[in-house]
Amino acid sequence: MRLTAARMFLKMTLGAALLAAAATAFGAAPAGAVVRNVEYSGTADTLDVRIDATGPARVFHFELENPRRLVLDFENMPNSID
């Protein structure tokens, strides 16, 4: 179980880094852009997350401990999910 959690965290970290790199290429989020949907799926060894927004996003990521988790910060982009 511990190895599976480590693999999942690694995939999330790598995925977030790629997302952040791609999003940063677009620059800061324009005024009025919002997060409109978040979907996730996975298996025992993977986790896939899709985040839809109405415009380009500038994303920063970092880790927190106790419990260990990954944080994605969408700069100046409010959440419009109900």
PDB file of N, CA and C in Angstrom:
ATOM      1  N   MET A   1       0.816  -1.195   0.000  1.00  0.00           N
ATOM      2  CA  MET A   1       0.000   0.000   0.000  1.00  0.00           C
ATOM      3  C   MET A   1       0.862   1.264   0.000  1.00  0.00           C
ATOM      4  N   ARG A   2       1.944   1.260   0.750  1.00  0.00           N
ATOM      5  CA  ARG A   2       2.807   2.431   0.839  1.00  0.00           C
ATOM      6  C   ARG A   2       3.466   2.741  -0.511  1.00  0.00           C
ATOM      7  N   LEU A   3       3.890   1.714  -1.257  1.00  0.00           N
ATOM      8  CA  LEU A   3       4.493   1.911  -2.571  1.00  0.00           C
ATOM      9  C   LEU A   3       3.482   2.503  -3.535  1.00  0.00           C
ATOM     10  N   THR A   4       2.244   2.044  -3.499  1.00  0.00           N
ATOM     11  CA  THR A   4       1.200   2.568  -4.367  1.00  0.00           C
ATOM     12  C   THR A   4       0.973   4.050  -4.092  1.00  0.00           C
ATOM     13  N   ALA A   5       0.918   4.439  -2.838  1.00  0.00           N
ATOM     14  CA  ALA A   5       0.725   5.845  -2.491  1.00  0.00           C
ATOM     15  C   ALA A   5       1.901   6.682  -2.978  1.00  0.00           C
ATOM     16  N   ALA A   6       3.108   6.160  -2.868  1.00  0.00           N
ATOM     17  CA  ALA A   6       4.291   6.880  -3.340  1.00  0.00           C
ATOM     18  C   ALA A   6       4.244   7.065  -4.848  1.00  0.00           C
ATOM     19  N   ARG A   7       3.845   6.025  -5.585  1.00  0.00           N
ATOM     20  CA  ARG A   7       3.720   6.147  -7.039  1.00  0.00           C
ATOM     21  C   ARG A   7       2.665   7.180  -7.406  1.00  0.00           C
ATOM     22  N   MET A   8       1.536   7.163  -6.700  1.00  0.00           N
ATOM     23  CA  MET A   8       0.466   8.103  -6.980  1.00  0.00           C
ATOM     24  C   MET A   8       0.943   9.534  -6.730  1.00  0.00           C
ATOM     25  N   PHE A   9       1.650   9.744  -5.626  1.00  0.00           N
ATOM     26  CA  PHE A   9       2.157  11.076  -5.316  1.00  0.00           C
ATOM     27  C   PHE A   9       3.156  11.526  -6.367  1.00  0.00           C
ATOM     28  N   LEU A  10       4.033  10.625  -6.804  1.00  0.00           N
ATOM     29  CA  LEU A  10       5.019  10.961  -7.825  1.00  0.00           C
ATOM     30  C   LEU A  10       4.330  11.347  -9.123  1.00  0.00           C
ATOM     31  N   LYS A  11       3.325  10.577  -9.536  1.00  0.00           N
ATOM     32  CA  LYS A  11       2.610  10.903 -10.769  1.00  0.00           C
ATOM     33  C   LYS A  11       1.913  12.254 -10.642  1.00  0.00           C
ATOM     34  N   MET A  12       1.301  12.520  -9.479  1.00  0.00           N
ATOM     35  CA  MET A  12       0.639  13.805  -9.281  1.00  0.00           C
ATOM     36  C   MET A  12       1.650  14.942  -9.339  1.00  0.00           C
ATOM     37  N   THR A  13       2.812  14.744  -8.716  1.00  0.00           N
ATOM     38  CA  THR A  13       3.835  15.779  -8.704  1.00  0.00           C
ATOM     39  C   THR A  13       4.347  16.050 -10.106  1.00  0.00           C
ATOM     40  N   LEU A  14       4.631  14.990 -10.858  1.00  0.00           N
ATOM     41  CA  LEU A  14       5.100  15.165 -12.228  1.00  0.00           C
ATOM     42  C   LEU A  14       4.026  15.799 -13.103  1.00  0.00           C
ATOM     43  N   GLY A  15       2.787  15.349 -12.940  1.00  0.00           N
ATOM     44  CA  GLY A  15       1.692  15.916 -13.719  1.00  0.00           C
ATOM     45  C   GLY A  15       1.498  17.389 -13.405  1.00  0.00           C
ATOM     46  N   ALA A  16       1.591  17.741 -12.136  1.00  0.00           N
ATOM     47  CA  ALA A  16       1.435  19.143 -11.741  1.00  0.00           C
ATOM     48  C   ALA A  16       2.574  19.990 -12.295  1.00  0.00           C
ATOM     49  N   ALA A  17       3.787  19.454 -12.285  1.00  0.00           N
ATOM     50  CA  ALA A  17       4.920  20.193 -12.830  1.00  0.00           C
ATOM     51  C   ALA A  17       4.733  20.442 -14.323  1.00  0.00           C
ATOM     52  N   LEU A  18       4.255  19.431 -15.051  1.00  0.00           N
ATOM     53  CA  LEU A  18       3.993  19.611 -16.480  1.00  0.00           C
ATOM     54  C   LEU A  18       2.866  20.600 -16.706  1.00  0.00           C
ATOM     55  N   LEU A  19       1.809  20.521 -15.915  1.00  0.00           N
ATOM     56  CA  LEU A  19       0.698  21.457 -16.013  1.00  0.00           C
ATOM     57  C   LEU A  19       1.181  22.875 -15.738  1.00  0.00           C
ATOM     58  N   ALA A  20       1.984  23.031 -14.710  1.00  0.00           N
ATOM     59  CA  ALA A  20       2.493  24.355 -14.362  1.00  0.00           C
ATOM     60  C   ALA A  20       3.378  24.907 -15.461  1.00  0.00           C
ATOM     61  N   ALA A  21       4.225  24.067 -16.033  1.00  0.00           N
ATOM     62  CA  ALA A  21       5.107  24.518 -17.112  1.00  0.00           C
ATOM     63  C   ALA A  21       4.310  24.933 -18.334  1.00  0.00           C
ATOM     64  N   ALA A  22       3.309  24.147 -18.692  1.00  0.00           N
ATOM     65  CA  ALA A  22       2.486  24.473 -19.862  1.00  0.00           C
ATOM     66  C   ALA A  22       1.659  25.727 -19.609  1.00  0.00           C
ATOM     67  N   ALA A  23       1.075  25.841 -18.438  1.00  0.00           N
ATOM     68  CA  ALA A  23       0.231  26.992 -18.131  1.00  0.00           C
ATOM     69  C   ALA A  23       1.042  28.274 -18.041  1.00  0.00           C
ATOM     70  N   THR A  24       2.249  28.197 -17.521  1.00  0.00           N
ATOM     71  CA  THR A  24       3.083  29.379 -17.387  1.00  0.00           C
ATOM     72  C   THR A  24       3.445  29.949 -18.754  1.00  0.00           C
ATOM     73  N   ALA A  25       3.511  29.109 -19.768  1.00  0.00           N
ATOM     74  CA  ALA A  25       3.818  29.577 -21.120  1.00  0.00           C
ATOM     75  C   ALA A  25       2.763  30.555 -21.618  1.00  0.00           C
ATOM     76  N   PHE A  26       1.548  30.473 -21.099  1.00  0.00           N
ATOM     77  CA  PHE A  26       0.475  31.374 -21.518  1.00  0.00           C
ATOM     78  C   PHE A  26       0.492  32.694 -20.758  1.00  0.00           C
ATOM     79  N   GLY A  27       1.297  32.801 -19.699  1.00  0.00           N
ATOM     80  CA  GLY A  27       1.328  34.010 -18.895  1.00  0.00           C
ATOM     81  C   GLY A  27       0.259  33.985 -17.819  1.00  0.00           C
ATOM     82  N   ALA A  28       0.046  35.132 -17.181  1.00  0.00           N
ATOM     83  CA  ALA A  28      -0.942  35.233 -16.100  1.00  0.00           C
ATOM     84  C   ALA A  28      -2.351  35.099 -16.651  1.00  0.00           C
ATOM     85  N   ALA A  29      -3.247  34.652 -15.811  1.00  0.00           N
ATOM     86  CA  ALA A  29      -4.643  34.486 -16.209  1.00  0.00           C
ATOM     87  C   ALA A  29      -5.255  35.846 -16.523  1.00  0.00           C
ATOM     88  N   PRO A  30      -6.018  35.947 -17.621  1.00  0.00           N
ATOM     89  CA  PRO A  30      -6.658  37.221 -17.937  1.00  0.00           C
ATOM     90  C   PRO A  30      -7.785  37.507 -16.948  1.00  0.00           C
ATOM     91  N   ALA A  31      -8.159  38.775 -16.844  1.00  0.00           N
ATOM     92  CA  ALA A  31      -9.262  39.139 -15.955  1.00  0.00           C
ATOM     93  C   ALA A  31     -10.514  38.388 -16.379  1.00  0.00           C
ATOM     94  N   GLY A  32     -11.202  37.813 -15.404  1.00  0.00           N
ATOM     95  CA  GLY A  32     -12.444  37.118 -15.696  1.00  0.00           C
ATOM     96  C   GLY A  32     -12.305  35.630 -15.950  1.00  0.00           C
ATOM     97  N   ALA A  33     -11.100  35.102 -16.113  1.00  0.00           N
ATOM     98  CA  ALA A  33     -10.923  33.662 -16.314  1.00  0.00           C
ATOM     99  C   ALA A  33     -11.193  32.948 -14.992  1.00  0.00           C
ATOM    100  N   VAL A  34     -11.892  31.806 -15.062  1.00  0.00           N
ATOM    101  CA  VAL A  34     -12.240  31.061 -13.858  1.00  0.00           C
ATOM    102  C   VAL A  34     -12.054  29.567 -14.073  1.00  0.00           C
ATOM    103  N   VAL A  35     -11.826  28.838 -12.977  1.00  0.00           N
ATOM    104  CA  VAL A  35     -11.843  27.376 -13.020  1.00  0.00           C
ATOM    105  C   VAL A  35     -13.307  26.969 -13.097  1.00  0.00           C
ATOM    106  N   ARG A  36     -13.668  26.179 -14.113  1.00  0.00           N
ATOM    107  CA  ARG A  36     -15.084  25.849 -14.282  1.00  0.00           C
ATOM    108  C   ARG A  36     -15.417  24.387 -14.028  1.00  0.00           C
ATOM    109  N   ASN A  37     -14.400  23.499 -14.015  1.00  0.00           N
ATOM    110  CA  ASN A  37     -14.681  22.088 -13.776  1.00  0.00           C
ATOM    111  C   ASN A  37     -13.416  21.364 -13.349  1.00  0.00           C
ATOM    112  N   VAL A  38     -13.558  20.389 -12.444  1.00  0.00           N
ATOM    113  CA  VAL A  38     -12.457  19.518 -12.037  1.00  0.00           C
ATOM    114  C   VAL A  38     -12.976  18.094 -12.078  1.00  0.00           C
ATOM    115  N   GLU A  39     -12.262  17.228 -12.793  1.00  0.00           N
ATOM    116  CA  GLU A  39     -12.615  15.813 -12.880  1.00  0.00           C
ATOM    117  C   GLU A  39     -11.394  14.993 -12.507  1.00  0.00           C
ATOM    118  N   TYR A  40     -11.632  13.839 -11.926  1.00  0.00           N
ATOM    119  CA  TYR A  40     -10.510  12.952 -11.612  1.00  0.00           C
ATOM    120  C   TYR A  40     -10.931  11.505 -11.794  1.00  0.00           C
ATOM    121  N   SER A  41      -9.945  10.682 -12.080  1.00  0.00           N
ATOM    122  CA  SER A  41     -10.146   9.245 -12.191  1.00  0.00           C
ATOM    123  C   SER A  41      -8.829   8.588 -11.845  1.00  0.00           C
ATOM    124  N   GLY A  42      -8.867   7.294 -11.609  1.00  0.00           N
ATOM    125  CA  GLY A  42      -7.625   6.625 -11.281  1.00  0.00           C
ATOM    126  C   GLY A  42      -7.821   5.160 -10.971  1.00  0.00           C
ATOM    127  N   THR A  43      -6.708   4.523 -10.737  1.00  0.00           N
ATOM    128  CA  THR A  43      -6.671   3.122 -10.357  1.00  0.00           C
ATOM    129  C   THR A  43      -5.840   3.034  -9.077  1.00  0.00           C
ATOM    130  N   ALA A  44      -5.481   1.846  -8.702  1.00  0.00           N
ATOM    131  CA  ALA A  44      -4.651   1.674  -7.506  1.00  0.00           C
ATOM    132  C   ALA A  44      -3.276   2.313  -7.671  1.00  0.00           C
ATOM    133  N   ASP A  45      -2.799   2.434  -8.928  1.00  0.00           N
ATOM    134  CA  ASP A  45      -1.453   2.956  -9.178  1.00  0.00           C
ATOM    135  C   ASP A  45      -1.418   4.341  -9.809  1.00  0.00           C
ATOM    136  N   THR A  46      -2.564   4.902 -10.212  1.00  0.00           N
ATOM    137  CA  THR A  46      -2.545   6.184 -10.922  1.00  0.00           C
ATOM    138  C   THR A  46      -3.642   7.109 -10.429  1.00  0.00           C
ATOM    139  N   LEU A  47      -3.447   8.373 -10.704  1.00  0.00           N
ATOM    140  CA  LEU A  47      -4.462   9.381 -10.478  1.00  0.00           C
ATOM    141  C   LEU A  47      -4.354  10.390 -11.604  1.00  0.00           C
ATOM    142  N   ASP A  48      -5.439  10.597 -12.332  1.00  0.00           N
ATOM    143  CA  ASP A  48      -5.486  11.574 -13.409  1.00  0.00           C
ATOM    144  C   ASP A  48      -6.464  12.668 -13.011  1.00  0.00           C
ATOM    145  N   VAL A  49      -6.027  13.913 -13.135  1.00  0.00           N
ATOM    146  CA  VAL A  49      -6.865  15.050 -12.784  1.00  0.00           C
ATOM    147  C   VAL A  49      -6.938  15.974 -13.987  1.00  0.00           C
ATOM    148  N   ARG A  50      -8.160  16.414 -14.322  1.00  0.00           N
ATOM    149  CA  ARG A  50      -8.363  17.367 -15.410  1.00  0.00           C
ATOM    150  C   ARG A  50      -9.022  18.600 -14.807  1.00  0.00           C
ATOM    151  N   ILE A  51      -8.423  19.761 -15.062  1.00  0.00           N
ATOM    152  CA  ILE A  51      -8.956  21.020 -14.556  1.00  0.00           C
ATOM    153  C   ILE A  51      -9.252  21.901 -15.763  1.00  0.00           C
ATOM    154  N   ASP A  52     -10.526  22.252 -15.946  1.00  0.00           N
ATOM    155  CA  ASP A  52     -10.947  23.097 -17.065  1.00  0.00           C
ATOM    156  C   ASP A  52     -11.111  24.533 -16.598  1.00  0.00           C
ATOM    157  N   ALA A  53     -10.633  25.462 -17.404  1.00  0.00           N
ATOM    158  CA  ALA A  53     -10.753  26.885 -17.099  1.00  0.00           C
ATOM    159  C   ALA A  53     -11.249  27.622 -18.340  1.00  0.00           C
ATOM    160  N   THR A  54     -11.758  28.828 -18.122  1.00  0.00           N
ATOM    161  CA  THR A  54     -12.288  29.618 -19.232  1.00  0.00           C
ATOM    162  C   THR A  54     -11.205  30.386 -19.974  1.00  0.00           C
ATOM    163  N   GLY A  55      -9.981  30.311 -19.520  1.00  0.00           N
ATOM    164  CA  GLY A  55      -8.877  31.003 -20.175  1.00  0.00           C
ATOM    165  C   GLY A  55      -7.555  30.445 -19.708  1.00  0.00           C
ATOM    166  N   PRO A  56      -6.464  31.016 -20.211  1.00  0.00           N
ATOM    167  CA  PRO A  56      -5.133  30.556 -19.803  1.00  0.00           C
ATOM    168  C   PRO A  56      -4.928  30.749 -18.301  1.00  0.00           C
ATOM    169  N   ALA A  57      -4.054  29.929 -17.733  1.00  0.00           N
ATOM    170  CA  ALA A  57      -3.807  29.983 -16.289  1.00  0.00           C
ATOM    171  C   ALA A  57      -2.321  30.008 -16.003  1.00  0.00           C
ATOM    172  N   ARG A  58      -1.963  30.720 -14.961  1.00  0.00           N
ATOM    173  CA  ARG A  58      -0.612  30.644 -14.423  1.00  0.00           C
ATOM    174  C   ARG A  58      -0.721  29.836 -13.144  1.00  0.00           C
ATOM    175  N   VAL A  59      -0.039  28.703 -13.102  1.00  0.00           N
ATOM    176  CA  VAL A  59      -0.197  27.748 -12.007  1.00  0.00           C
ATOM    177  C   VAL A  59       1.126  27.566 -11.273  1.00  0.00           C
ATOM    178  N   PHE A  60       1.053  27.612  -9.951  1.00  0.00           N
ATOM    179  CA  PHE A  60       2.199  27.318  -9.104  1.00  0.00           C
ATOM    180  C   PHE A  60       1.856  26.070  -8.297  1.00  0.00           C
ATOM    181  N   HIS A  61       2.844  25.249  -8.017  1.00  0.00           N
ATOM    182  CA  HIS A  61       2.592  24.054  -7.205  1.00  0.00           C
ATOM    183  C   HIS A  61       3.625  23.954  -6.096  1.00  0.00           C
ATOM    184  N   PHE A  62       3.189  23.340  -4.999  1.00  0.00           N
ATOM    185  CA  PHE A  62       4.081  23.092  -3.879  1.00  0.00           C
ATOM    186  C   PHE A  62       3.515  21.950  -3.052  1.00  0.00           C
ATOM    187  N   GLU A  63       4.337  21.416  -2.167  1.00  0.00           N
ATOM    188  CA  GLU A  63       3.941  20.295  -1.313  1.00  0.00           C
ATOM    189  C   GLU A  63       3.766  20.765   0.118  1.00  0.00           C
ATOM    190  N   LEU A  64       2.830  20.134   0.818  1.00  0.00           N
ATOM    191  CA  LEU A  64       2.637  20.325   2.245  1.00  0.00           C
ATOM    192  C   LEU A  64       2.817  18.976   2.937  1.00  0.00           C
ATOM    193  N   GLU A  65       3.168  19.004   4.202  1.00  0.00           N
ATOM    194  CA  GLU A  65       3.381  17.780   4.977  1.00  0.00           C
ATOM    195  C   GLU A  65       2.316  17.627   6.055  1.00  0.00           C
ATOM    196  N   ASN A  66       2.181  16.420   6.547  1.00  0.00           N
ATOM    197  CA  ASN A  66       1.331  16.063   7.700  1.00  0.00           C
ATOM    198  C   ASN A  66      -0.127  16.462   7.559  1.00  0.00           C
ATOM    199  N   PRO A  67      -0.895  15.869   6.729  1.00  0.00           N
ATOM    200  CA  PRO A  67      -0.531  14.793   5.805  1.00  0.00           C
ATOM    201  C   PRO A  67       0.113  15.359   4.533  1.00  0.00           C
ATOM    202  N   ARG A  68       0.889  14.516   3.881  1.00  0.00           N
ATOM    203  CA  ARG A  68       1.581  14.916   2.659  1.00  0.00           C
ATOM    204  C   ARG A  68       0.564  15.132   1.548  1.00  0.00           C
ATOM    205  N   ARG A  69       0.651  16.302   0.883  1.00  0.00           N
ATOM    206  CA  ARG A  69      -0.270  16.595  -0.203  1.00  0.00           C
ATOM    207  C   ARG A  69       0.346  17.597  -1.172  1.00  0.00           C
ATOM    208  N   LEU A  70      -0.216  17.625  -2.353  1.00  0.00           N
ATOM    209  CA  LEU A  70       0.214  18.505  -3.431  1.00  0.00           C
ATOM    210  C   LEU A  70      -0.797  19.626  -3.564  1.00  0.00           C
ATOM    211  N   VAL A  71      -0.318  20.862  -3.687  1.00  0.00           N
ATOM    212  CA  VAL A  71      -1.199  22.026  -3.821  1.00  0.00           C
ATOM    213  C   VAL A  71      -0.945  22.676  -5.170  1.00  0.00           C
ATOM    214  N   LEU A  72      -2.030  22.973  -5.905  1.00  0.00           N
ATOM    215  CA  LEU A  72      -1.958  23.741  -7.144  1.00  0.00           C
ATOM    216  C   LEU A  72      -2.608  25.092  -6.877  1.00  0.00           C
ATOM    217  N   ASP A  73      -1.877  26.166  -7.122  1.00  0.00           N
ATOM    218  CA  ASP A  73      -2.379  27.516  -6.903  1.00  0.00           C
ATOM    219  C   ASP A  73      -2.542  28.185  -8.263  1.00  0.00           C
ATOM    220  N   PHE A  74      -3.784  28.471  -8.629  1.00  0.00           N
ATOM    221  CA  PHE A  74      -4.089  29.138  -9.892  1.00  0.00           C
ATOM    222  C   PHE A  74      -4.123  30.640  -9.618  1.00  0.00           C
ATOM    223  N   GLU A  75      -3.090  31.352 -10.079  1.00  0.00           N
ATOM    224  CA  GLU A  75      -2.937  32.774  -9.761  1.00  0.00           C
ATOM    225  C   GLU A  75      -4.094  33.602 -10.312  1.00  0.00           C
ATOM    226  N   ASN A  76      -4.732  34.376  -9.424  1.00  0.00           N
ATOM    227  CA  ASN A  76      -5.823  35.297  -9.793  1.00  0.00           C
ATOM    228  C   ASN A  76      -6.964  34.639 -10.544  1.00  0.00           C
ATOM    229  N   MET A  77      -7.241  33.376 -10.249  1.00  0.00           N
ATOM    230  CA  MET A  77      -8.300  32.671 -10.953  1.00  0.00           C
ATOM    231  C   MET A  77      -9.299  32.100  -9.945  1.00  0.00           C
ATOM    232  N   PRO A  78     -10.500  32.715  -9.839  1.00  0.00           N
ATOM    233  CA  PRO A  78     -11.494  32.204  -8.894  1.00  0.00           C
ATOM    234  C   PRO A  78     -12.119  30.893  -9.366  1.00  0.00           C
ATOM    235  N   ASN A  79     -12.722  30.205  -8.435  1.00  0.00           N
ATOM    236  CA  ASN A  79     -13.387  28.943  -8.692  1.00  0.00           C
ATOM    237  C   ASN A  79     -14.877  29.217  -8.938  1.00  0.00           C
ATOM    238  N   SER A  80     -15.405  28.771 -10.072  1.00  0.00           N
ATOM    239  CA  SER A  80     -16.839  28.971 -10.358  1.00  0.00           C
ATOM    240  C   SER A  80     -17.628  27.686 -10.269  1.00  0.00           C
ATOM    241  N   ILE A  81     -17.049  26.646  -9.670  1.00  0.00           N
ATOM    242  CA  ILE A  81     -17.737  25.357  -9.555  1.00  0.00           C
ATOM    243  C   ILE A  81     -18.787  25.446  -8.459  1.00  0.00           C
ATOM    244  N   ASP A  82     -19.987  24.999  -8.770  1.00  0.00           N
ATOM    245  CA  ASP A  82     -21.081  24.997  -7.781  1.00  0.00           C
ATOM    246  C   ASP A  82     -21.023  23.786  -6.904  1.00  0.00           C
TER     247      ASP A  82
END
